[in-house]
């Protein structure tokens, strides 16, 4: 990933944080952009990182309507941490 894509992802995370309701579809798109892939395990859809081998799996509930704001915030926090790690990898190169 290059620096421009990292900056775009950070802007998207901040946009979702400021906005009221967040749908699971939007978080899934962001997870895909950060390098996560859907994995078939557990009750809720689980997303594992393809770029970061030590990253914890992330569950993104697939419910109709907006997600609970605390759930959405926790998912955005994890995706933001993934972006931080990716940015650190880019800086090392």
PDB file of N, CA and C in Angstrom:
ATOM      1  N   UNK A   1       0.835  -1.183   0.000  1.00  0.00           N
ATOM      2  CA  UNK A   1       0.000   0.000   0.000  1.00  0.00           C
ATOM      3  C   UNK A   1       0.872   1.235   0.000  1.00  0.00           C
ATOM      4  N   UNK A   2       0.402   2.255  -0.663  1.00  0.00           N
ATOM      5  CA  UNK A   2       1.174   3.485  -0.708  1.00  0.00           C
ATOM      6  C   UNK A   2       0.574   4.523   0.232  1.00  0.00           C
ATOM      7  N   UNK A   3       1.311   5.592   0.432  1.00  0.00           N
ATOM      8  CA  UNK A   3       0.906   6.623   1.386  1.00  0.00           C
ATOM      9  C   UNK A   3      -0.425   7.274   1.073  1.00  0.00           C
ATOM     10  N   UNK A   4      -0.720   7.484  -0.214  1.00  0.00           N
ATOM     11  CA  UNK A   4      -1.986   8.120  -0.589  1.00  0.00           C
ATOM     12  C   UNK A   4      -3.172   7.248  -0.216  1.00  0.00           C
ATOM     13  N   UNK A   5      -3.028   5.943  -0.389  1.00  0.00           N
ATOM     14  CA  UNK A   5      -4.118   5.039  -0.042  1.00  0.00           C
ATOM     15  C   UNK A   5      -4.317   5.009   1.466  1.00  0.00           C
ATOM     16  N   UNK A   6      -3.229   5.042   2.223  1.00  0.00           N
ATOM     17  CA  UNK A   6      -3.316   5.080   3.684  1.00  0.00           C
ATOM     18  C   UNK A   6      -4.056   6.340   4.123  1.00  0.00           C
ATOM     19  N   UNK A   7      -3.721   7.473   3.530  1.00  0.00           N
ATOM     20  CA  UNK A   7      -4.378   8.735   3.883  1.00  0.00           C
ATOM     21  C   UNK A   7      -5.869   8.683   3.544  1.00  0.00           C
ATOM     22  N   UNK A   8      -6.214   8.082   2.418  1.00  0.00           N
ATOM     23  CA  UNK A   8      -7.611   7.948   2.010  1.00  0.00           C
ATOM     24  C   UNK A   8      -8.382   7.063   3.001  1.00  0.00           C
ATOM     25  N   UNK A   9      -7.744   5.980   3.445  1.00  0.00           N
ATOM     26  CA  UNK A   9      -8.382   5.091   4.412  1.00  0.00           C
ATOM     27  C   UNK A   9      -8.603   5.796   5.749  1.00  0.00           C
ATOM     28  N   UNK A  10      -7.622   6.593   6.174  1.00  0.00           N
ATOM     29  CA  UNK A  10      -7.763   7.337   7.429  1.00  0.00           C
ATOM     30  C   UNK A  10      -8.917   8.343   7.344  1.00  0.00           C
ATOM     31  N   UNK A  11      -9.040   9.024   6.203  1.00  0.00           N
ATOM     32  CA  UNK A  11     -10.144   9.958   6.018  1.00  0.00           C
ATOM     33  C   UNK A  11     -11.488   9.246   6.082  1.00  0.00           C
ATOM     34  N   UNK A  12     -11.553   8.055   5.484  1.00  0.00           N
ATOM     35  CA  UNK A  12     -12.795   7.285   5.487  1.00  0.00           C
ATOM     36  C   UNK A  12     -13.178   6.858   6.911  1.00  0.00           C
ATOM     37  N   UNK A  13     -12.192   6.431   7.706  1.00  0.00           N
ATOM     38  CA  UNK A  13     -12.456   6.054   9.100  1.00  0.00           C
ATOM     39  C   UNK A  13     -12.997   7.260   9.867  1.00  0.00           C
ATOM     40  N   UNK A  14     -12.372   8.419   9.710  1.00  0.00           N
ATOM     41  CA  UNK A  14     -12.822   9.620  10.422  1.00  0.00           C
ATOM     42  C   UNK A  14     -14.215  10.049   9.963  1.00  0.00           C
ATOM     43  N   UNK A  15     -14.498   9.898   8.689  1.00  0.00           N
ATOM     44  CA  UNK A  15     -15.821  10.228   8.164  1.00  0.00           C
ATOM     45  C   UNK A  15     -16.892   9.342   8.807  1.00  0.00           C
ATOM     46  N   UNK A  16     -16.612   8.055   8.924  1.00  0.00           N
ATOM     47  CA  UNK A  16     -17.563   7.135   9.537  1.00  0.00           C
ATOM     48  C   UNK A  16     -17.721   7.403  11.030  1.00  0.00           C
ATOM     49  N   UNK A  17     -16.652   7.827  11.694  1.00  0.00           N
ATOM     50  CA  UNK A  17     -16.729   8.149  13.125  1.00  0.00           C
ATOM     51  C   UNK A  17     -17.641   9.361  13.362  1.00  0.00           C
ATOM     52  N   UNK A  18     -17.525  10.372  12.506  1.00  0.00           N
ATOM     53  CA  UNK A  18     -18.304  11.599  12.680  1.00  0.00           C
ATOM     54  C   UNK A  18     -19.776  11.409  12.334  1.00  0.00           C
ATOM     55  N   UNK A  19     -20.029  10.530  11.387  1.00  0.00           N
ATOM     56  CA  UNK A  19     -21.396  10.321  10.923  1.00  0.00           C
ATOM     57  C   UNK A  19     -22.226   9.569  11.949  1.00  0.00           C
ATOM     58  N   UNK A  20     -23.508   9.714  11.886  1.00  0.00           N
ATOM     59  CA  UNK A  20     -24.394   9.056  12.837  1.00  0.00           C
ATOM     60  C   UNK A  20     -24.432   7.552  12.668  1.00  0.00           C
ATOM     61  N   UNK A  21     -25.281   7.053  11.797  1.00  0.00           N
ATOM     62  CA  UNK A  21     -25.460   5.617  11.642  1.00  0.00           C
ATOM     63  C   UNK A  21     -24.470   5.011  10.669  1.00  0.00           C
ATOM     64  N   UNK A  22     -23.940   3.859  11.032  1.00  0.00           N
ATOM     65  CA  UNK A  22     -22.994   3.141  10.183  1.00  0.00           C
ATOM     66  C   UNK A  22     -23.574   1.764   9.892  1.00  0.00           C
ATOM     67  N   UNK A  23     -23.621   1.400   8.626  1.00  0.00           N
ATOM     68  CA  UNK A  23     -24.111   0.085   8.222  1.00  0.00           C
ATOM     69  C   UNK A  23     -22.954  -0.913   8.196  1.00  0.00           C
ATOM     70  N   UNK A  24     -23.274  -2.167   8.381  1.00  0.00           N
ATOM     71  CA  UNK A  24     -22.242  -3.201   8.354  1.00  0.00           C
ATOM     72  C   UNK A  24     -21.573  -3.265   6.982  1.00  0.00           C
ATOM     73  N   UNK A  25     -22.312  -3.000   5.940  1.00  0.00           N
ATOM     74  CA  UNK A  25     -21.778  -3.022   4.575  1.00  0.00           C
ATOM     75  C   UNK A  25     -20.604  -2.038   4.418  1.00  0.00           C
ATOM     76  N   UNK A  26     -20.747  -0.845   5.030  1.00  0.00           N
ATOM     77  CA  UNK A  26     -19.683   0.163   4.949  1.00  0.00           C
ATOM     78  C   UNK A  26     -18.430  -0.303   5.686  1.00  0.00           C
ATOM     79  N   UNK A  27     -18.614  -0.942   6.826  1.00  0.00           N
ATOM     80  CA  UNK A  27     -17.464  -1.448   7.582  1.00  0.00           C
ATOM     81  C   UNK A  27     -16.809  -2.619   6.852  1.00  0.00           C
ATOM     82  N   UNK A  28     -17.599  -3.434   6.185  1.00  0.00           N
ATOM     83  CA  UNK A  28     -17.044  -4.547   5.413  1.00  0.00           C
ATOM     84  C   UNK A  28     -16.216  -4.027   4.238  1.00  0.00           C
ATOM     85  N   UNK A  29     -16.685  -2.975   3.575  1.00  0.00           N
ATOM     86  CA  UNK A  29     -15.914  -2.374   2.475  1.00  0.00           C
ATOM     87  C   UNK A  29     -14.584  -1.829   2.984  1.00  0.00           C
ATOM     88  N   UNK A  30     -14.621  -1.192   4.148  1.00  0.00           N
ATOM     89  CA  UNK A  30     -13.397  -0.653   4.736  1.00  0.00           C
ATOM     90  C   UNK A  30     -12.447  -1.778   5.141  1.00  0.00           C
ATOM     91  N   UNK A  31     -12.993  -2.844   5.712  1.00  0.00           N
ATOM     92  CA  UNK A  31     -12.157  -3.988   6.098  1.00  0.00           C
ATOM     93  C   UNK A  31     -11.482  -4.588   4.870  1.00  0.00           C
ATOM     94  N   UNK A  32     -12.216  -4.697   3.784  1.00  0.00           N
ATOM     95  CA  UNK A  32     -11.648  -5.228   2.536  1.00  0.00           C
ATOM     96  C   UNK A  32     -10.527  -4.315   2.032  1.00  0.00           C
ATOM     97  N   UNK A  33     -10.718  -3.002   2.136  1.00  0.00           N
ATOM     98  CA  UNK A  33      -9.712  -2.044   1.674  1.00  0.00           C
ATOM     99  C   UNK A  33      -8.450  -2.087   2.528  1.00  0.00           C
ATOM    100  N   UNK A  34      -8.592  -2.458   3.804  1.00  0.00           N
ATOM    101  CA  UNK A  34      -7.446  -2.530   4.709  1.00  0.00           C
ATOM    102  C   UNK A  34      -6.689  -3.844   4.544  1.00  0.00           C
ATOM    103  N   UNK A  35      -7.256  -4.768   3.790  1.00  0.00           N
ATOM    104  CA  UNK A  35      -6.564  -6.027   3.540  1.00  0.00           C
ATOM    105  C   UNK A  35      -7.130  -7.193   4.328  1.00  0.00           C
ATOM    106  N   UNK A  36      -8.360  -7.087   4.754  1.00  0.00           N
ATOM    107  CA  UNK A  36      -9.005  -8.198   5.454  1.00  0.00           C
ATOM    108  C   UNK A  36      -9.896  -8.967   4.494  1.00  0.00           C
ATOM    109  N   UNK A  37     -10.080 -10.242   4.798  1.00  0.00           N
ATOM    110  CA  UNK A  37     -10.876 -11.130   3.959  1.00  0.00           C
ATOM    111  C   UNK A  37     -11.854 -11.867   4.854  1.00  0.00           C
ATOM    112  N   UNK A  38     -13.062 -12.080   4.337  1.00  0.00           N
ATOM    113  CA  UNK A  38     -14.086 -12.772   5.122  1.00  0.00           C
ATOM    114  C   UNK A  38     -13.705 -14.242   5.286  1.00  0.00           C
ATOM    115  N   UNK A  39     -13.865 -14.731   6.508  1.00  0.00           N
ATOM    116  CA  UNK A  39     -13.518 -16.103   6.840  1.00  0.00           C
ATOM    117  C   UNK A  39     -14.753 -16.771   7.429  1.00  0.00           C
ATOM    118  N   UNK A  40     -15.018 -17.989   7.027  1.00  0.00           N
ATOM    119  CA  UNK A  40     -16.224 -18.701   7.476  1.00  0.00           C
ATOM    120  C   UNK A  40     -15.973 -19.394   8.808  1.00  0.00           C
ATOM    121  N   UNK A  41     -16.220 -18.671   9.890  1.00  0.00           N
ATOM    122  CA  UNK A  41     -16.146 -19.268  11.217  1.00  0.00           C
ATOM    123  C   UNK A  41     -16.939 -18.391  12.179  1.00  0.00           C
ATOM    124  N   UNK A  42     -17.433 -18.991  13.229  1.00  0.00           N
ATOM    125  CA  UNK A  42     -18.180 -18.260  14.233  1.00  0.00           C
ATOM    126  C   UNK A  42     -19.597 -17.933  13.798  1.00  0.00           C
ATOM    127  N   UNK A  43     -20.356 -17.329  14.705  1.00  0.00           N
ATOM    128  CA  UNK A  43     -21.739 -16.969  14.415  1.00  0.00           C
ATOM    129  C   UNK A  43     -21.831 -15.740  13.525  1.00  0.00           C
ATOM    130  N   UNK A  44     -21.021 -14.751  13.813  1.00  0.00           N
ATOM    131  CA  UNK A  44     -21.013 -13.524  13.013  1.00  0.00           C
ATOM    132  C   UNK A  44     -19.937 -13.627  11.930  1.00  0.00           C
ATOM    133  N   UNK A  45     -20.107 -12.885  10.844  1.00  0.00           N
ATOM    134  CA  UNK A  45     -19.065 -12.882   9.817  1.00  0.00           C
ATOM    135  C   UNK A  45     -17.735 -12.391  10.404  1.00  0.00           C
ATOM    136  N   UNK A  46     -16.695 -13.145  10.208  1.00  0.00           N
ATOM    137  CA  UNK A  46     -15.378 -12.834  10.760  1.00  0.00           C
ATOM    138  C   UNK A  46     -14.442 -12.442   9.634  1.00  0.00           C
ATOM    139  N   UNK A  47     -13.660 -11.412   9.875  1.00  0.00           N
ATOM    140  CA  UNK A  47     -12.719 -10.895   8.890  1.00  0.00           C
ATOM    141  C   UNK A  47     -11.304 -11.077   9.426  1.00  0.00           C
ATOM    142  N   UNK A  48     -10.446 -11.718   8.632  1.00  0.00           N
ATOM    143  CA  UNK A  48      -9.053 -11.933   9.025  1.00  0.00           C
ATOM    144  C   UNK A  48      -8.153 -11.139   8.077  1.00  0.00           C
ATOM    145  N   UNK A  49      -7.014 -10.736   8.588  1.00  0.00           N
ATOM    146  CA  UNK A  49      -6.095  -9.921   7.800  1.00  0.00           C
ATOM    147  C   UNK A  49      -5.234 -10.791   6.893  1.00  0.00           C
ATOM    148  N   UNK A  50      -5.147 -10.401   5.645  1.00  0.00           N
ATOM    149  CA  UNK A  50      -4.280 -11.098   4.707  1.00  0.00           C
ATOM    150  C   UNK A  50      -2.893 -10.466   4.669  1.00  0.00           C
ATOM    151  N   UNK A  51      -2.785  -9.213   5.126  1.00  0.00           N
ATOM    152  CA  UNK A  51      -1.513  -8.491   5.088  1.00  0.00           C
ATOM    153  C   UNK A  51      -0.758  -8.541   6.410  1.00  0.00           C
ATOM    154  N   UNK A  52      -1.499  -8.680   7.504  1.00  0.00           N
ATOM    155  CA  UNK A  52      -0.887  -8.666   8.837  1.00  0.00           C
ATOM    156  C   UNK A  52      -1.131 -10.008   9.513  1.00  0.00           C
ATOM    157  N   UNK A  53      -0.132 -10.871   9.561  1.00  0.00           N
ATOM    158  CA  UNK A  53      -0.338 -12.225  10.091  1.00  0.00           C
ATOM    159  C   UNK A  53      -0.694 -12.278  11.575  1.00  0.00           C
ATOM    160  N   UNK A  54      -0.297 -11.275  12.364  1.00  0.00           N
ATOM    161  CA  UNK A  54      -0.562 -11.306  13.808  1.00  0.00           C
ATOM    162  C   UNK A  54      -1.820 -10.552  14.207  1.00  0.00           C
ATOM    163  N   UNK A  55      -2.563 -10.031  13.247  1.00  0.00           N
ATOM    164  CA  UNK A  55      -3.771  -9.276  13.553  1.00  0.00           C
ATOM    165  C   UNK A  55      -4.880 -10.211  14.037  1.00  0.00           C
ATOM    166  N   UNK A  56      -5.617  -9.762  15.027  1.00  0.00           N
ATOM    167  CA  UNK A  56      -6.720 -10.555  15.568  1.00  0.00           C
ATOM    168  C   UNK A  56      -7.883 -10.574  14.576  1.00  0.00           C
ATOM    169  N   UNK A  57      -8.653 -11.658  14.562  1.00  0.00           N
ATOM    170  CA  UNK A  57      -9.855 -11.690  13.718  1.00  0.00           C
ATOM    171  C   UNK A  57     -10.848 -10.626  14.186  1.00  0.00           C
ATOM    172  N   UNK A  58     -11.623 -10.122  13.266  1.00  0.00           N
ATOM    173  CA  UNK A  58     -12.567  -9.048  13.554  1.00  0.00           C
ATOM    174  C   UNK A  58     -13.960  -9.478  13.125  1.00  0.00           C
ATOM    175  N   UNK A  59     -14.918  -9.427  14.045  1.00  0.00           N
ATOM    176  CA  UNK A  59     -16.304  -9.756  13.714  1.00  0.00           C
ATOM    177  C   UNK A  59     -17.047  -8.478  13.367  1.00  0.00           C
ATOM    178  N   UNK A  60     -17.727  -8.510  12.235  1.00  0.00           N
ATOM    179  CA  UNK A  60     -18.564  -7.388  11.825  1.00  0.00           C
ATOM    180  C   UNK A  60     -19.981  -7.932  11.687  1.00  0.00           C
ATOM    181  N   UNK A  61     -20.862  -7.610  12.653  1.00  0.00           N
ATOM    182  CA  UNK A  61     -22.232  -8.126  12.602  1.00  0.00           C
ATOM    183  C   UNK A  61     -22.935  -7.691  11.320  1.00  0.00           C
ATOM    184  N   UNK A  62     -23.678  -8.590  10.743  1.00  0.00           N
ATOM    185  CA  UNK A  62     -24.379  -8.309   9.502  1.00  0.00           C
ATOM    186  C   UNK A  62     -25.876  -8.225   9.796  1.00  0.00           C
ATOM    187  N   UNK A  63     -26.298  -7.082  10.358  1.00  0.00           N
ATOM    188  CA  UNK A  63     -27.685  -6.862  10.723  1.00  0.00           C
ATOM    189  C   UNK A  63     -28.274  -5.779   9.827  1.00  0.00           C
ATOM    190  N   UNK A  64     -29.580  -5.827   9.598  1.00  0.00           N
ATOM    191  CA  UNK A  64     -30.188  -4.751   8.815  1.00  0.00           C
ATOM    192  C   UNK A  64     -30.161  -3.443   9.603  1.00  0.00           C
ATOM    193  N   UNK A  65     -30.051  -2.348   8.914  1.00  0.00           N
ATOM    194  CA  UNK A  65     -30.042  -1.042   9.568  1.00  0.00           C
ATOM    195  C   UNK A  65     -28.669  -0.689  10.114  1.00  0.00           C
ATOM    196  N   UNK A  66     -28.667   0.332  10.954  1.00  0.00           N
ATOM    197  CA  UNK A  66     -27.417   0.826  11.534  1.00  0.00           C
ATOM    198  C   UNK A  66     -26.961  -0.081  12.670  1.00  0.00           C
ATOM    199  N   UNK A  67     -25.633  -0.158  12.811  1.00  0.00           N
ATOM    200  CA  UNK A  67     -25.060  -0.896  13.934  1.00  0.00           C
ATOM    201  C   UNK A  67     -25.111  -0.038  15.189  1.00  0.00           C
ATOM    202  N   UNK A  68     -25.055  -0.678  16.325  1.00  0.00           N
ATOM    203  CA  UNK A  68     -24.935   0.017  17.592  1.00  0.00           C
ATOM    204  C   UNK A  68     -23.682   0.903  17.526  1.00  0.00           C
ATOM    205  N   UNK A  69     -23.787   2.134  18.020  1.00  0.00           N
ATOM    206  CA  UNK A  69     -22.662   3.070  17.874  1.00  0.00           C
ATOM    207  C   UNK A  69     -21.405   2.594  18.583  1.00  0.00           C
ATOM    208  N   UNK A  70     -21.561   1.876  19.695  1.00  0.00           N
ATOM    209  CA  UNK A  70     -20.398   1.381  20.418  1.00  0.00           C
ATOM    210  C   UNK A  70     -19.738   0.224  19.660  1.00  0.00           C
ATOM    211  N   UNK A  71     -20.541  -0.612  19.038  1.00  0.00           N
ATOM    212  CA  UNK A  71     -20.019  -1.702  18.214  1.00  0.00           C
ATOM    213  C   UNK A  71     -19.274  -1.130  17.018  1.00  0.00           C
ATOM    214  N   UNK A  72     -19.891  -0.160  16.356  1.00  0.00           N
ATOM    215  CA  UNK A  72     -19.255   0.461  15.190  1.00  0.00           C
ATOM    216  C   UNK A  72     -17.939   1.133  15.593  1.00  0.00           C
ATOM    217  N   UNK A  73     -17.937   1.805  16.741  1.00  0.00           N
ATOM    218  CA  UNK A  73     -16.717   2.481  17.188  1.00  0.00           C
ATOM    219  C   UNK A  73     -15.600   1.477  17.466  1.00  0.00           C
ATOM    220  N   UNK A  74     -15.932   0.350  18.087  1.00  0.00           N
ATOM    221  CA  UNK A  74     -14.923  -0.675  18.384  1.00  0.00           C
ATOM    222  C   UNK A  74     -14.346  -1.265  17.095  1.00  0.00           C
ATOM    223  N   UNK A  75     -15.192  -1.489  16.104  1.00  0.00           N
ATOM    224  CA  UNK A  75     -14.720  -2.020  14.824  1.00  0.00           C
ATOM    225  C   UNK A  75     -13.835  -0.991  14.130  1.00  0.00           C
ATOM    226  N   UNK A  76     -14.245   0.278  14.148  1.00  0.00           N
ATOM    227  CA  UNK A  76     -13.428   1.333  13.544  1.00  0.00           C
ATOM    228  C   UNK A  76     -12.091   1.486  14.258  1.00  0.00           C
ATOM    229  N   UNK A  77     -12.079   1.307  15.584  1.00  0.00           N
ATOM    230  CA  UNK A  77     -10.814   1.361  16.333  1.00  0.00           C
ATOM    231  C   UNK A  77      -9.857   0.273  15.855  1.00  0.00           C
ATOM    232  N   UNK A  78     -10.372  -0.936  15.652  1.00  0.00           N
ATOM    233  CA  UNK A  78      -9.524  -2.047  15.199  1.00  0.00           C
ATOM    234  C   UNK A  78      -9.019  -1.808  13.776  1.00  0.00           C
ATOM    235  N   UNK A  79      -9.890  -1.327  12.904  1.00  0.00           N
ATOM    236  CA  UNK A  79      -9.469  -1.059  11.528  1.00  0.00           C
ATOM    237  C   UNK A  79      -8.458   0.084  11.487  1.00  0.00           C
ATOM    238  N   UNK A  80      -8.637   1.081  12.363  1.00  0.00           N
ATOM    239  CA  UNK A  80      -7.672   2.173  12.454  1.00  0.00           C
ATOM    240  C   UNK A  80      -6.316   1.661  12.937  1.00  0.00           C
ATOM    241  N   UNK A  81      -6.321   0.709  13.873  1.00  0.00           N
ATOM    242  CA  UNK A  81      -5.064   0.105  14.338  1.00  0.00           C
ATOM    243  C   UNK A  81      -4.383  -0.655  13.198  1.00  0.00           C
ATOM    244  N   UNK A  82      -5.180  -1.336  12.366  1.00  0.00           N
ATOM    245  CA  UNK A  82      -4.611  -2.021  11.197  1.00  0.00           C
ATOM    246  C   UNK A  82      -3.939  -1.021  10.262  1.00  0.00           C
ATOM    247  N   UNK A  83      -4.582   0.125  10.065  1.00  0.00           N
ATOM    248  CA  UNK A  83      -4.017   1.160   9.190  1.00  0.00           C
ATOM    249  C   UNK A  83      -2.712   1.677   9.784  1.00  0.00           C
ATOM    250  N   UNK A  84      -2.661   1.853  11.107  1.00  0.00           N
ATOM    251  CA  UNK A  84      -1.420   2.305  11.762  1.00  0.00           C
ATOM    252  C   UNK A  84      -0.283   1.327  11.521  1.00  0.00           C
ATOM    253  N   UNK A  85      -0.561   0.044  11.649  1.00  0.00           N
ATOM    254  CA  UNK A  85       0.477  -0.986  11.419  1.00  0.00           C
ATOM    255  C   UNK A  85       0.928  -0.964   9.961  1.00  0.00           C
ATOM    256  N   UNK A  86      -0.012  -0.869   9.040  1.00  0.00           N
ATOM    257  CA  UNK A  86       0.341  -0.810   7.621  1.00  0.00           C
ATOM    258  C   UNK A  86       1.175   0.430   7.316  1.00  0.00           C
ATOM    259  N   UNK A  87       0.833   1.550   7.938  1.00  0.00           N
ATOM    260  CA  UNK A  87       1.596   2.769   7.743  1.00  0.00           C
ATOM    261  C   UNK A  87       3.017   2.610   8.279  1.00  0.00           C
ATOM    262  N   UNK A  88       3.163   1.919   9.411  1.00  0.00           N
ATOM    263  CA  UNK A  88       4.496   1.659   9.954  1.00  0.00           C
ATOM    264  C   UNK A  88       5.321   0.768   9.041  1.00  0.00           C
ATOM    265  N   UNK A  89       4.677  -0.198   8.403  1.00  0.00           N
ATOM    266  CA  UNK A  89       5.378  -1.073   7.462  1.00  0.00           C
ATOM    267  C   UNK A  89       5.864  -0.279   6.255  1.00  0.00           C
ATOM    268  N   UNK A  90       5.027   0.652   5.786  1.00  0.00           N
ATOM    269  CA  UNK A  90       5.394   1.480   4.640  1.00  0.00           C
ATOM    270  C   UNK A  90       6.579   2.378   5.001  1.00  0.00           C
ATOM    271  N   UNK A  91       6.551   2.940   6.225  1.00  0.00           N
ATOM    272  CA  UNK A  91       7.640   3.818   6.657  1.00  0.00           C
ATOM    273  C   UNK A  91       8.966   3.086   6.732  1.00  0.00           C
ATOM    274  N   UNK A  92       8.933   1.794   7.104  1.00  0.00           N
ATOM    275  CA  UNK A  92      10.164   1.012   7.191  1.00  0.00           C
ATOM    276  C   UNK A  92      10.773   0.764   5.817  1.00  0.00           C
ATOM    277  N   UNK A  93       9.908   0.642   4.796  1.00  0.00           N
ATOM    278  CA  UNK A  93      10.408   0.386   3.436  1.00  0.00           C
ATOM    279  C   UNK A  93      10.952   1.653   2.875  1.00  0.00           C
TER     280      UNK A  93
END
